[in-house]
Amino acid sequence: MTKEGKNTIEVRGFLHLDRAFRKKFDKVPLILDIEEPITGYQLADILEVKPEEVEVIFVNGNTQSLDYTICPGDRVAFLPPGCPGPYRVALGFYGKNQNNPRNFKRKDNS
């Protein structure tokens, strides 16, 4: 639960998205009011972040794709492509957001 209230979410960005949020909103983390659950895509649209600028999102510390449902009280962070190699596996990036052309593709072993 964020500090602000039960109908809010806390949003952060990494790398260039942090700079963009600071420039546009003058502060980070952003505390946004939401009345009902929304997807990462919907949140990206609200924040004017193009989906191709996001590889994965963290929701309450867990790696998720942009189609994941974000609920009031959640903490969200947008991570753009470019995180170093070994961390990608450790943080669970593979298998998430595979429909994003900027994401590394998982090999099908069938």
PDB file of N, CA and C in Angstrom:
ATOM      1  N   MET A   1       0.858  -1.181   0.000  1.00  0.00           N
ATOM      2  CA  MET A   1       0.000   0.000   0.000  1.00  0.00           C
ATOM      3  C   MET A   1       0.897   1.234   0.000  1.00  0.00           C
ATOM      4  N   THR A   2       0.604   2.183  -0.838  1.00  0.00           N
ATOM      5  CA  THR A   2       1.381   3.414  -0.865  1.00  0.00           C
ATOM      6  C   THR A   2       1.036   4.267   0.341  1.00  0.00           C
ATOM      7  N   LYS A   3       1.898   5.220   0.620  1.00  0.00           N
ATOM      8  CA  LYS A   3       1.689   6.099   1.762  1.00  0.00           C
ATOM      9  C   LYS A   3       0.492   7.021   1.563  1.00  0.00           C
ATOM     10  N   GLU A   4       0.179   7.340   0.334  1.00  0.00           N
ATOM     11  CA  GLU A   4      -0.814   8.365   0.057  1.00  0.00           C
ATOM     12  C   GLU A   4      -2.254   7.929   0.304  1.00  0.00           C
ATOM     13  N   GLY A   5      -2.594   6.703  -0.013  1.00  0.00           N
ATOM     14  CA  GLY A   5      -3.965   6.290   0.190  1.00  0.00           C
ATOM     15  C   GLY A   5      -4.295   5.010  -0.528  1.00  0.00           C
ATOM     16  N   LYS A   6      -5.494   4.512  -0.256  1.00  0.00           N
ATOM     17  CA  LYS A   6      -5.858   3.208  -0.806  1.00  0.00           C
ATOM     18  C   LYS A   6      -6.270   3.249  -2.269  1.00  0.00           C
ATOM     19  N   ASN A   7      -6.525   4.409  -2.845  1.00  0.00           N
ATOM     20  CA  ASN A   7      -6.871   4.510  -4.261  1.00  0.00           C
ATOM     21  C   ASN A   7      -5.742   5.130  -5.079  1.00  0.00           C
ATOM     22  N   THR A   8      -4.516   4.929  -4.626  1.00  0.00           N
ATOM     23  CA  THR A   8      -3.378   5.480  -5.344  1.00  0.00           C
ATOM     24  C   THR A   8      -2.395   4.368  -5.696  1.00  0.00           C
ATOM     25  N   ILE A   9      -1.544   4.685  -6.662  1.00  0.00           N
ATOM     26  CA  ILE A   9      -0.396   3.842  -6.981  1.00  0.00           C
ATOM     27  C   ILE A   9       0.838   4.720  -6.957  1.00  0.00           C
ATOM     28  N   GLU A  10       1.973   4.113  -6.669  1.00  0.00           N
ATOM     29  CA  GLU A  10       3.252   4.806  -6.671  1.00  0.00           C
ATOM     30  C   GLU A  10       3.995   4.377  -7.920  1.00  0.00           C
ATOM     31  N   VAL A  11       4.478   5.337  -8.709  1.00  0.00           N
ATOM     32  CA  VAL A  11       5.109   5.021 -10.000  1.00  0.00           C
ATOM     33  C   VAL A  11       6.501   5.627 -10.068  1.00  0.00           C
ATOM     34  N   ARG A  12       7.433   4.827 -10.550  1.00  0.00           N
ATOM     35  CA  ARG A  12       8.813   5.265 -10.787  1.00  0.00           C
ATOM     36  C   ARG A  12       9.245   4.807 -12.174  1.00  0.00           C
ATOM     37  N   GLY A  13      10.330   5.375 -12.654  1.00  0.00           N
ATOM     38  CA  GLY A  13      10.931   4.941 -13.906  1.00  0.00           C
ATOM     39  C   GLY A  13      12.417   4.738 -13.712  1.00  0.00           C
ATOM     40  N   PHE A  14      13.003   3.914 -14.537  1.00  0.00           N
ATOM     41  CA  PHE A  14      14.447   3.704 -14.515  1.00  0.00           C
ATOM     42  C   PHE A  14      15.060   4.324 -15.767  1.00  0.00           C
ATOM     43  N   LEU A  15      16.351   4.640 -15.662  1.00  0.00           N
ATOM     44  CA  LEU A  15      17.134   5.202 -16.767  1.00  0.00           C
ATOM     45  C   LEU A  15      16.454   6.444 -17.335  1.00  0.00           C
ATOM     46  N   HIS A  16      16.259   6.536 -18.640  1.00  0.00           N
ATOM     47  CA  HIS A  16      15.715   7.762 -19.235  1.00  0.00           C
ATOM     48  C   HIS A  16      14.266   8.024 -18.817  1.00  0.00           C
ATOM     49  N   LEU A  17      13.536   7.005 -18.406  1.00  0.00           N
ATOM     50  CA  LEU A  17      12.158   7.219 -17.967  1.00  0.00           C
ATOM     51  C   LEU A  17      12.109   7.970 -16.642  1.00  0.00           C
ATOM     52  N   ASP A  18      13.092   7.761 -15.776  1.00  0.00           N
ATOM     53  CA  ASP A  18      13.178   8.544 -14.540  1.00  0.00           C
ATOM     54  C   ASP A  18      13.351  10.023 -14.864  1.00  0.00           C
ATOM     55  N   ARG A  19      14.262  10.315 -15.775  1.00  0.00           N
ATOM     56  CA  ARG A  19      14.487  11.718 -16.172  1.00  0.00           C
ATOM     57  C   ARG A  19      13.232  12.314 -16.787  1.00  0.00           C
ATOM     58  N   ALA A  20      12.558  11.541 -17.636  1.00  0.00           N
ATOM     59  CA  ALA A  20      11.339  12.046 -18.282  1.00  0.00           C
ATOM     60  C   ALA A  20      10.246  12.331 -17.255  1.00  0.00           C
ATOM     61  N   PHE A  21      10.071  11.438 -16.284  1.00  0.00           N
ATOM     62  CA  PHE A  21       9.052  11.660 -15.247  1.00  0.00           C
ATOM     63  C   PHE A  21       9.391  12.886 -14.407  1.00  0.00           C
ATOM     64  N   ARG A  22      10.667  13.045 -14.060  1.00  0.00           N
ATOM     65  CA  ARG A  22      11.074  14.210 -13.264  1.00  0.00           C
ATOM     66  C   ARG A  22      10.838  15.503 -14.035  1.00  0.00           C
ATOM     67  N   LYS A  23      11.148  15.488 -15.324  1.00  0.00           N
ATOM     68  CA  LYS A  23      10.965  16.687 -16.139  1.00  0.00           C
ATOM     69  C   LYS A  23       9.480  17.021 -16.303  1.00  0.00           C
ATOM     70  N   LYS A  24       8.666  16.015 -16.551  1.00  0.00           N
ATOM     71  CA  LYS A  24       7.251  16.234 -16.812  1.00  0.00           C
ATOM     72  C   LYS A  24       6.442  16.492 -15.546  1.00  0.00           C
ATOM     73  N   PHE A  25       6.749  15.771 -14.456  1.00  0.00           N
ATOM     74  CA  PHE A  25       5.919  15.837 -13.257  1.00  0.00           C
ATOM     75  C   PHE A  25       6.613  16.507 -12.075  1.00  0.00           C
ATOM     76  N   ASP A  26       7.876  16.889 -12.225  1.00  0.00           N
ATOM     77  CA  ASP A  26       8.655  17.592 -11.200  1.00  0.00           C
ATOM     78  C   ASP A  26       8.990  16.778  -9.964  1.00  0.00           C
ATOM     79  N   LYS A  27       8.576  15.517  -9.899  1.00  0.00           N
ATOM     80  CA  LYS A  27       8.943  14.713  -8.736  1.00  0.00           C
ATOM     81  C   LYS A  27       8.785  13.227  -9.046  1.00  0.00           C
ATOM     82  N   VAL A  28       9.525  12.445  -8.297  1.00  0.00           N
ATOM     83  CA  VAL A  28       9.432  10.994  -8.366  1.00  0.00           C
ATOM     84  C   VAL A  28       9.578  10.508  -6.929  1.00  0.00           C
ATOM     85  N   PRO A  29       8.802   9.588  -6.448  1.00  0.00           N
ATOM     86  CA  PRO A  29       7.815   8.824  -7.195  1.00  0.00           C
ATOM     87  C   PRO A  29       6.560   9.633  -7.475  1.00  0.00           C
ATOM     88  N   LEU A  30       5.873   9.232  -8.539  1.00  0.00           N
ATOM     89  CA  LEU A  30       4.581   9.827  -8.857  1.00  0.00           C
ATOM     90  C   LEU A  30       3.527   9.102  -8.037  1.00  0.00           C
ATOM     91  N   ILE A  31       2.613   9.824  -7.471  1.00  0.00           N
ATOM     92  CA  ILE A  31       1.487   9.231  -6.759  1.00  0.00           C
ATOM     93  C   ILE A  31       0.251   9.543  -7.597  1.00  0.00           C
ATOM     94  N   LEU A  32      -0.346   8.502  -8.171  1.00  0.00           N
ATOM     95  CA  LEU A  32      -1.488   8.680  -9.063  1.00  0.00           C
ATOM     96  C   LEU A  32      -2.734   8.056  -8.464  1.00  0.00           C
ATOM     97  N   ASP A  33      -3.836   8.758  -8.595  1.00  0.00           N
ATOM     98  CA  ASP A  33      -5.126   8.219  -8.167  1.00  0.00           C
ATOM     99  C   ASP A  33      -5.674   7.311  -9.253  1.00  0.00           C
ATOM    100  N   ILE A  34      -6.086   6.118  -8.865  1.00  0.00           N
ATOM    101  CA  ILE A  34      -6.822   5.241  -9.778  1.00  0.00           C
ATOM    102  C   ILE A  34      -8.003   4.673  -9.009  1.00  0.00           C
ATOM    103  N   GLU A  35      -9.128   4.606  -9.649  1.00  0.00           N
ATOM    104  CA  GLU A  35     -10.347   4.127  -9.000  1.00  0.00           C
ATOM    105  C   GLU A  35     -10.530   2.623  -9.141  1.00  0.00           C
ATOM    106  N   GLU A  36      -9.949   2.065 -10.184  1.00  0.00           N
ATOM    107  CA  GLU A  36     -10.103   0.638 -10.443  1.00  0.00           C
ATOM    108  C   GLU A  36      -8.829   0.106 -11.075  1.00  0.00           C
ATOM    109  N   PRO A  37      -8.649  -1.193 -11.114  1.00  0.00           N
ATOM    110  CA  PRO A  37      -7.443  -1.764 -11.713  1.00  0.00           C
ATOM    111  C   PRO A  37      -7.264  -1.334 -13.172  1.00  0.00           C
ATOM    112  N   ILE A  38      -6.008  -1.165 -13.565  1.00  0.00           N
ATOM    113  CA  ILE A  38      -5.648  -0.826 -14.942  1.00  0.00           C
ATOM    114  C   ILE A  38      -4.466  -1.697 -15.346  1.00  0.00           C
ATOM    115  N   THR A  39      -4.237  -1.811 -16.638  1.00  0.00           N
ATOM    116  CA  THR A  39      -3.080  -2.570 -17.117  1.00  0.00           C
ATOM    117  C   THR A  39      -1.857  -1.662 -17.208  1.00  0.00           C
ATOM    118  N   GLY A  40      -0.708  -2.286 -17.338  1.00  0.00           N
ATOM    119  CA  GLY A  40       0.512  -1.523 -17.566  1.00  0.00           C
ATOM    120  C   GLY A  40       0.434  -0.699 -18.844  1.00  0.00           C
ATOM    121  N   TYR A  41      -0.226  -1.248 -19.872  1.00  0.00           N
ATOM    122  CA  TYR A  41      -0.420  -0.480 -21.113  1.00  0.00           C
ATOM    123  C   TYR A  41      -1.238   0.776 -20.856  1.00  0.00           C
ATOM    124  N   GLN A  42      -2.301   0.649 -20.081  1.00  0.00           N
ATOM    125  CA  GLN A  42      -3.143   1.811 -19.775  1.00  0.00           C
ATOM    126  C   GLN A  42      -2.365   2.845 -18.961  1.00  0.00           C
ATOM    127  N   LEU A  43      -1.569   2.382 -18.009  1.00  0.00           N
ATOM    128  CA  LEU A  43      -0.762   3.311 -17.219  1.00  0.00           C
ATOM    129  C   LEU A  43       0.278   4.002 -18.095  1.00  0.00           C
ATOM    130  N   ALA A  44       0.915   3.259 -18.975  1.00  0.00           N
ATOM    131  CA  ALA A  44       1.880   3.860 -19.899  1.00  0.00           C
ATOM    132  C   ALA A  44       1.210   4.939 -20.745  1.00  0.00           C
ATOM    133  N   ASP A  45      -0.009   4.683 -21.200  1.00  0.00           N
ATOM    134  CA  ASP A  45      -0.753   5.671 -21.985  1.00  0.00           C
ATOM    135  C   ASP A  45      -1.038   6.931 -21.161  1.00  0.00           C
ATOM    136  N   ILE A  46      -1.453   6.754 -19.916  1.00  0.00           N
ATOM    137  CA  ILE A  46      -1.710   7.900 -19.033  1.00  0.00           C
ATOM    138  C   ILE A  46      -0.449   8.741 -18.860  1.00  0.00           C
ATOM    139  N   LEU A  47       0.688   8.071 -18.727  1.00  0.00           N
ATOM    140  CA  LEU A  47       1.960   8.763 -18.511  1.00  0.00           C
ATOM    141  C   LEU A  47       2.637   9.196 -19.805  1.00  0.00           C
ATOM    142  N   GLU A  48       2.005   8.901 -20.933  1.00  0.00           N
ATOM    143  CA  GLU A  48       2.539   9.219 -22.263  1.00  0.00           C
ATOM    144  C   GLU A  48       3.888   8.549 -22.511  1.00  0.00           C
ATOM    145  N   VAL A  49       3.968   7.280 -22.129  1.00  0.00           N
ATOM    146  CA  VAL A  49       5.149   6.463 -22.368  1.00  0.00           C
ATOM    147  C   VAL A  49       4.781   5.469 -23.461  1.00  0.00           C
ATOM    148  N   LYS A  50       5.561   5.451 -24.530  1.00  0.00           N
ATOM    149  CA  LYS A  50       5.301   4.516 -25.621  1.00  0.00           C
ATOM    150  C   LYS A  50       5.639   3.092 -25.163  1.00  0.00           C
ATOM    151  N   PRO A  51       4.802   2.117 -25.510  1.00  0.00           N
ATOM    152  CA  PRO A  51       5.073   0.735 -25.094  1.00  0.00           C
ATOM    153  C   PRO A  51       6.450   0.227 -25.516  1.00  0.00           C
ATOM    154  N   GLU A  52       6.952   0.688 -26.644  1.00  0.00           N
ATOM    155  CA  GLU A  52       8.270   0.220 -27.087  1.00  0.00           C
ATOM    156  C   GLU A  52       9.401   0.793 -26.225  1.00  0.00           C
ATOM    157  N   GLU A  53       9.102   1.775 -25.378  1.00  0.00           N
ATOM    158  CA  GLU A  53      10.093   2.315 -24.449  1.00  0.00           C
ATOM    159  C   GLU A  53      10.169   1.512 -23.149  1.00  0.00           C
ATOM    160  N   VAL A  54       9.324   0.492 -23.024  1.00  0.00           N
ATOM    161  CA  VAL A  54       9.254  -0.281 -21.786  1.00  0.00           C
ATOM    162  C   VAL A  54       9.504  -1.750 -22.103  1.00  0.00           C
ATOM    163  N   GLU A  55      10.491  -2.319 -21.447  1.00  0.00           N
ATOM    164  CA  GLU A  55      10.724  -3.752 -21.624  1.00  0.00           C
ATOM    165  C   GLU A  55       9.860  -4.547 -20.657  1.00  0.00           C
ATOM    166  N   VAL A  56       9.901  -4.179 -19.389  1.00  0.00           N
ATOM    167  CA  VAL A  56       9.075  -4.830 -18.368  1.00  0.00           C
ATOM    168  C   VAL A  56       8.680  -3.777 -17.336  1.00  0.00           C
ATOM    169  N   ILE A  57       7.721  -4.143 -16.498  1.00  0.00           N
ATOM    170  CA  ILE A  57       7.394  -3.314 -15.347  1.00  0.00           C
ATOM    171  C   ILE A  57       7.615  -4.150 -14.091  1.00  0.00           C
ATOM    172  N   PHE A  58       7.953  -3.471 -13.030  1.00  0.00           N
ATOM    173  CA  PHE A  58       7.989  -4.105 -11.721  1.00  0.00           C
ATOM    174  C   PHE A  58       6.713  -3.688 -11.008  1.00  0.00           C
ATOM    175  N   VAL A  59       5.978  -4.657 -10.481  1.00  0.00           N
ATOM    176  CA  VAL A  59       4.787  -4.375  -9.687  1.00  0.00           C
ATOM    177  C   VAL A  59       5.012  -5.019  -8.330  1.00  0.00           C
ATOM    178  N   ASN A  60       5.107  -4.176  -7.334  1.00  0.00           N
ATOM    179  CA  ASN A  60       5.382  -4.645  -5.964  1.00  0.00           C
ATOM    180  C   ASN A  60       6.630  -5.524  -5.915  1.00  0.00           C
ATOM    181  N   GLY A  61       7.633  -5.150  -6.726  1.00  0.00           N
ATOM    182  CA  GLY A  61       8.908  -5.848  -6.719  1.00  0.00           C
ATOM    183  C   GLY A  61       9.009  -7.072  -7.607  1.00  0.00           C
ATOM    184  N   ASN A  62       7.934  -7.408  -8.317  1.00  0.00           N
ATOM    185  CA  ASN A  62       7.945  -8.576  -9.198  1.00  0.00           C
ATOM    186  C   ASN A  62       7.901  -8.151 -10.659  1.00  0.00           C
ATOM    187  N   THR A  63       8.675  -8.824 -11.499  1.00  0.00           N
ATOM    188  CA  THR A  63       8.723  -8.515 -12.919  1.00  0.00           C
ATOM    189  C   THR A  63       7.437  -8.948 -13.600  1.00  0.00           C
ATOM    190  N   GLN A  64       6.857  -8.030 -14.380  1.00  0.00           N
ATOM    191  CA  GLN A  64       5.598  -8.302 -15.076  1.00  0.00           C
ATOM    192  C   GLN A  64       5.659  -7.722 -16.484  1.00  0.00           C
ATOM    193  N   SER A  65       4.764  -8.176 -17.340  1.00  0.00           N
ATOM    194  CA  SER A  65       4.633  -7.613 -18.678  1.00  0.00           C
ATOM    195  C   SER A  65       3.658  -6.438 -18.621  1.00  0.00           C
ATOM    196  N   LEU A  66       3.577  -5.701 -19.700  1.00  0.00           N
ATOM    197  CA  LEU A  66       2.698  -4.530 -19.745  1.00  0.00           C
ATOM    198  C   LEU A  66       1.216  -4.875 -19.698  1.00  0.00           C
ATOM    199  N   ASP A  67       0.866  -6.115 -19.958  1.00  0.00           N
ATOM    200  CA  ASP A  67      -0.555  -6.459 -19.885  1.00  0.00           C
ATOM    201  C   ASP A  67      -0.978  -6.873 -18.470  1.00  0.00           C
ATOM    202  N   TYR A  68      -0.056  -6.808 -17.515  1.00  0.00           N
ATOM    203  CA  TYR A  68      -0.354  -7.144 -16.128  1.00  0.00           C
ATOM    204  C   TYR A  68      -1.319  -6.107 -15.535  1.00  0.00           C
ATOM    205  N   THR A  69      -2.222  -6.560 -14.675  1.00  0.00           N
ATOM    206  CA  THR A  69      -3.192  -5.669 -14.045  1.00  0.00           C
ATOM    207  C   THR A  69      -2.612  -5.047 -12.781  1.00  0.00           C
ATOM    208  N   ILE A  70      -2.644  -3.727 -12.738  1.00  0.00           N
ATOM    209  CA  ILE A  70      -2.163  -2.942 -11.603  1.00  0.00           C
ATOM    210  C   ILE A  70      -3.377  -2.504 -10.793  1.00  0.00           C
ATOM    211  N   CYS A  71      -3.305  -2.699  -9.498  1.00  0.00           N
ATOM    212  CA  CYS A  71      -4.436  -2.394  -8.616  1.00  0.00           C
ATOM    213  C   CYS A  71      -4.102  -1.215  -7.711  1.00  0.00           C
ATOM    214  N   PRO A  72      -5.126  -0.515  -7.227  1.00  0.00           N
ATOM    215  CA  PRO A  72      -4.869   0.536  -6.244  1.00  0.00           C
ATOM    216  C   PRO A  72      -4.039  -0.020  -5.082  1.00  0.00           C
ATOM    217  N   GLY A  73      -3.061   0.765  -4.644  1.00  0.00           N
ATOM    218  CA  GLY A  73      -2.166   0.343  -3.576  1.00  0.00           C
ATOM    219  C   GLY A  73      -0.860  -0.238  -4.072  1.00  0.00           C
ATOM    220  N   ASP A  74      -0.756  -0.544  -5.370  1.00  0.00           N
ATOM    221  CA  ASP A  74       0.461  -1.142  -5.921  1.00  0.00           C
ATOM    222  C   ASP A  74       1.569  -0.105  -6.092  1.00  0.00           C
ATOM    223  N   ARG A  75       2.793  -0.608  -6.102  1.00  0.00           N
ATOM    224  CA  ARG A  75       3.973   0.191  -6.447  1.00  0.00           C
ATOM    225  C   ARG A  75       4.471  -0.316  -7.789  1.00  0.00           C
ATOM    226  N   VAL A  76       4.686   0.599  -8.740  1.00  0.00           N
ATOM    227  CA  VAL A  76       5.015   0.232 -10.124  1.00  0.00           C
ATOM    228  C   VAL A  76       6.286   0.961 -10.555  1.00  0.00           C
ATOM    229  N   ALA A  77       7.134   0.272 -11.308  1.00  0.00           N
ATOM    230  CA  ALA A  77       8.307   0.899 -11.905  1.00  0.00           C
ATOM    231  C   ALA A  77       8.428   0.429 -13.348  1.00  0.00           C
ATOM    232  N   PHE A  78       8.690   1.376 -14.248  1.00  0.00           N
ATOM    233  CA  PHE A  78       8.875   1.088 -15.666  1.00  0.00           C
ATOM    234  C   PHE A  78      10.361   0.936 -15.946  1.00  0.00           C
ATOM    235  N   LEU A  79      10.733  -0.158 -16.607  1.00  0.00           N
ATOM    236  CA  LEU A  79      12.127  -0.394 -16.956  1.00  0.00           C
ATOM    237  C   LEU A  79      12.257  -0.448 -18.468  1.00  0.00           C
ATOM    238  N   PRO A  80      13.054   0.453 -19.050  1.00  0.00           N
ATOM    239  CA  PRO A  80      13.235   0.428 -20.499  1.00  0.00           C
ATOM    240  C   PRO A  80      14.247  -0.634 -20.908  1.00  0.00           C
ATOM    241  N   PRO A  81      14.298  -0.943 -22.211  1.00  0.00           N
ATOM    242  CA  PRO A  81      15.322  -1.877 -22.698  1.00  0.00           C
ATOM    243  C   PRO A  81      16.716  -1.347 -22.370  1.00  0.00           C
ATOM    244  N   GLY A  82      17.638  -2.249 -22.080  1.00  0.00           N
ATOM    245  CA  GLY A  82      19.009  -1.827 -21.856  1.00  0.00           C
ATOM    246  C   GLY A  82      19.619  -2.280 -20.551  1.00  0.00           C
ATOM    247  N   CYS A  83      18.870  -2.985 -19.728  1.00  0.00           N
ATOM    248  CA  CYS A  83      19.435  -3.519 -18.487  1.00  0.00           C
ATOM    249  C   CYS A  83      20.509  -4.541 -18.853  1.00  0.00           C
ATOM    250  N   PRO A  84      21.653  -4.540 -18.170  1.00  0.00           N
ATOM    251  CA  PRO A  84      22.743  -5.463 -18.500  1.00  0.00           C
ATOM    252  C   PRO A  84      22.333  -6.929 -18.460  1.00  0.00           C
ATOM    253  N   GLY A  85      23.003  -7.740 -19.264  1.00  0.00           N
ATOM    254  CA  GLY A  85      22.713  -9.143 -19.486  1.00  0.00           C
ATOM    255  C   GLY A  85      22.420 -10.035 -18.297  1.00  0.00           C
ATOM    256  N   PRO A  86      23.353 -10.250 -17.379  1.00  0.00           N
ATOM    257  CA  PRO A  86      23.095 -11.211 -16.303  1.00  0.00           C
ATOM    258  C   PRO A  86      21.884 -10.851 -15.444  1.00  0.00           C
ATOM    259  N   TYR A  87      21.638  -9.588 -15.279  1.00  0.00           N
ATOM    260  CA  TYR A  87      20.509  -9.158 -14.464  1.00  0.00           C
ATOM    261  C   TYR A  87      19.177  -9.487 -15.120  1.00  0.00           C
ATOM    262  N   ARG A  88      19.160  -9.600 -16.421  1.00  0.00           N
ATOM    263  CA  ARG A  88      17.934  -9.889 -17.148  1.00  0.00           C
ATOM    264  C   ARG A  88      17.359 -11.242 -16.719  1.00  0.00           C
ATOM    265  N   VAL A  89      18.227 -12.213 -16.571  1.00  0.00           N
ATOM    266  CA  VAL A  89      17.782 -13.548 -16.169  1.00  0.00           C
ATOM    267  C   VAL A  89      17.419 -13.546 -14.684  1.00  0.00           C
ATOM    268  N   ALA A  90      18.284 -12.959 -13.859  1.00  0.00           N
ATOM    269  CA  ALA A  90      18.066 -12.953 -12.416  1.00  0.00           C
ATOM    270  C   ALA A  90      16.770 -12.244 -12.039  1.00  0.00           C
ATOM    271  N   LEU A  91      16.405 -11.209 -12.766  1.00  0.00           N
ATOM    272  CA  LEU A  91      15.199 -10.447 -12.455  1.00  0.00           C
ATOM    273  C   LEU A  91      13.954 -10.975 -13.167  1.00  0.00           C
ATOM    274  N   GLY A  92      14.119 -11.975 -14.013  1.00  0.00           N
ATOM    275  CA  GLY A  92      12.959 -12.608 -14.642  1.00  0.00           C
ATOM    276  C   GLY A  92      12.419 -11.895 -15.866  1.00  0.00           C
ATOM    277  N   PHE A  93      13.272 -11.201 -16.606  1.00  0.00           N
ATOM    278  CA  PHE A  93      12.793 -10.481 -17.792  1.00  0.00           C
ATOM    279  C   PHE A  93      12.345 -11.419 -18.893  1.00  0.00           C
ATOM    280  N   TYR A  94      13.075 -12.536 -19.064  1.00  0.00           N
ATOM    281  CA  TYR A  94      12.742 -13.443 -20.155  1.00  0.00           C
ATOM    282  C   TYR A  94      11.361 -14.033 -19.939  1.00  0.00           C
ATOM    283  N   GLY A  95      10.593 -14.090 -20.982  1.00  0.00           N
ATOM    284  CA  GLY A  95       9.237 -14.614 -20.907  1.00  0.00           C
ATOM    285  C   GLY A  95       8.210 -13.546 -20.611  1.00  0.00           C
ATOM    286  N   LYS A  96       8.636 -12.358 -20.272  1.00  0.00           N
ATOM    287  CA  LYS A  96       7.713 -11.259 -19.994  1.00  0.00           C
ATOM    288  C   LYS A  96       7.680 -10.325 -21.195  1.00  0.00           C
ATOM    289  N   ASN A  97       6.504  -9.839 -21.511  1.00  0.00           N
ATOM    290  CA  ASN A  97       6.343  -8.823 -22.549  1.00  0.00           C
ATOM    291  C   ASN A  97       6.921  -9.272 -23.894  1.00  0.00           C
ATOM    292  N   GLN A  98       6.712 -10.528 -24.270  1.00  0.00           N
ATOM    293  CA  GLN A  98       7.282 -11.074 -25.500  1.00  0.00           C
ATOM    294  C   GLN A  98       6.698 -10.449 -26.762  1.00  0.00           C
ATOM    295  N   ASN A  99       5.531  -9.806 -26.664  1.00  0.00           N
ATOM    296  CA  ASN A  99       4.963  -9.163 -27.846  1.00  0.00           C
ATOM    297  C   ASN A  99       5.574  -7.792 -28.117  1.00  0.00           C
ATOM    298  N   ASN A 100       6.447  -7.316 -27.251  1.00  0.00           N
ATOM    299  CA  ASN A 100       7.120  -6.041 -27.458  1.00  0.00           C
ATOM    300  C   ASN A 100       8.338  -6.269 -28.348  1.00  0.00           C
ATOM    301  N   PRO A 101       8.402  -5.617 -29.509  1.00  0.00           N
ATOM    302  CA  PRO A 101       9.523  -5.842 -30.424  1.00  0.00           C
ATOM    303  C   PRO A 101      10.878  -5.436 -29.844  1.00  0.00           C
ATOM    304  N   ARG A 102      10.901  -4.601 -28.809  1.00  0.00           N
ATOM    305  CA  ARG A 102      12.154  -4.173 -28.200  1.00  0.00           C
ATOM    306  C   ARG A 102      12.683  -5.185 -27.190  1.00  0.00           C
ATOM    307  N   ASN A 103      11.869  -6.150 -26.807  1.00  0.00           N
ATOM    308  CA  ASN A 103      12.279  -7.142 -25.824  1.00  0.00           C
ATOM    309  C   ASN A 103      13.049  -8.268 -26.508  1.00  0.00           C
ATOM    310  N   PHE A 104      14.005  -8.843 -25.812  1.00  0.00           N
ATOM    311  CA  PHE A 104      14.704 -10.004 -26.328  1.00  0.00           C
ATOM    312  C   PHE A 104      13.729 -11.164 -26.406  1.00  0.00           C
ATOM    313  N   LYS A 105      13.804 -11.921 -27.460  1.00  0.00           N
ATOM    314  CA  LYS A 105      12.868 -13.010 -27.678  1.00  0.00           C
ATOM    315  C   LYS A 105      13.362 -14.296 -27.042  1.00  0.00           C
ATOM    316  N   ARG A 106      12.438 -15.012 -26.467  1.00  0.00           N
ATOM    317  CA  ARG A 106      12.719 -16.311 -25.883  1.00  0.00           C
ATOM    318  C   ARG A 106      12.728 -17.321 -27.009  1.00  0.00           C
ATOM    319  N   LYS A 107      13.725 -18.216 -27.014  1.00  0.00           N
ATOM    320  CA  LYS A 107      13.795 -19.261 -28.035  1.00  0.00           C
ATOM    321  C   LYS A 107      12.797 -20.350 -27.702  1.00  0.00           C
ATOM    322  N   ASP A 108      12.089 -20.803 -28.712  1.00  0.00           N
ATOM    323  CA  ASP A 108      11.139 -21.905 -28.533  1.00  0.00           C
ATOM    324  C   ASP A 108      11.898 -23.209 -28.681  1.00  0.00           C
ATOM    325  N   ASN A 109      11.881 -24.038 -27.671  1.00  0.00           N
ATOM    326  CA  ASN A 109      12.628 -25.296 -27.684  1.00  0.00           C
ATOM    327  C   ASN A 109      11.798 -26.475 -28.144  1.00  0.00           C
ATOM    328  N   SER A 110      10.728 -26.239 -28.888  1.00  0.00           N
ATOM    329  CA  SER A 110       9.888 -27.367 -29.322  1.00  0.00           C
ATOM    330  C   SER A 110      10.407 -28.015 -30.572  1.00  0.00           C
TER     331      SER A 110
END
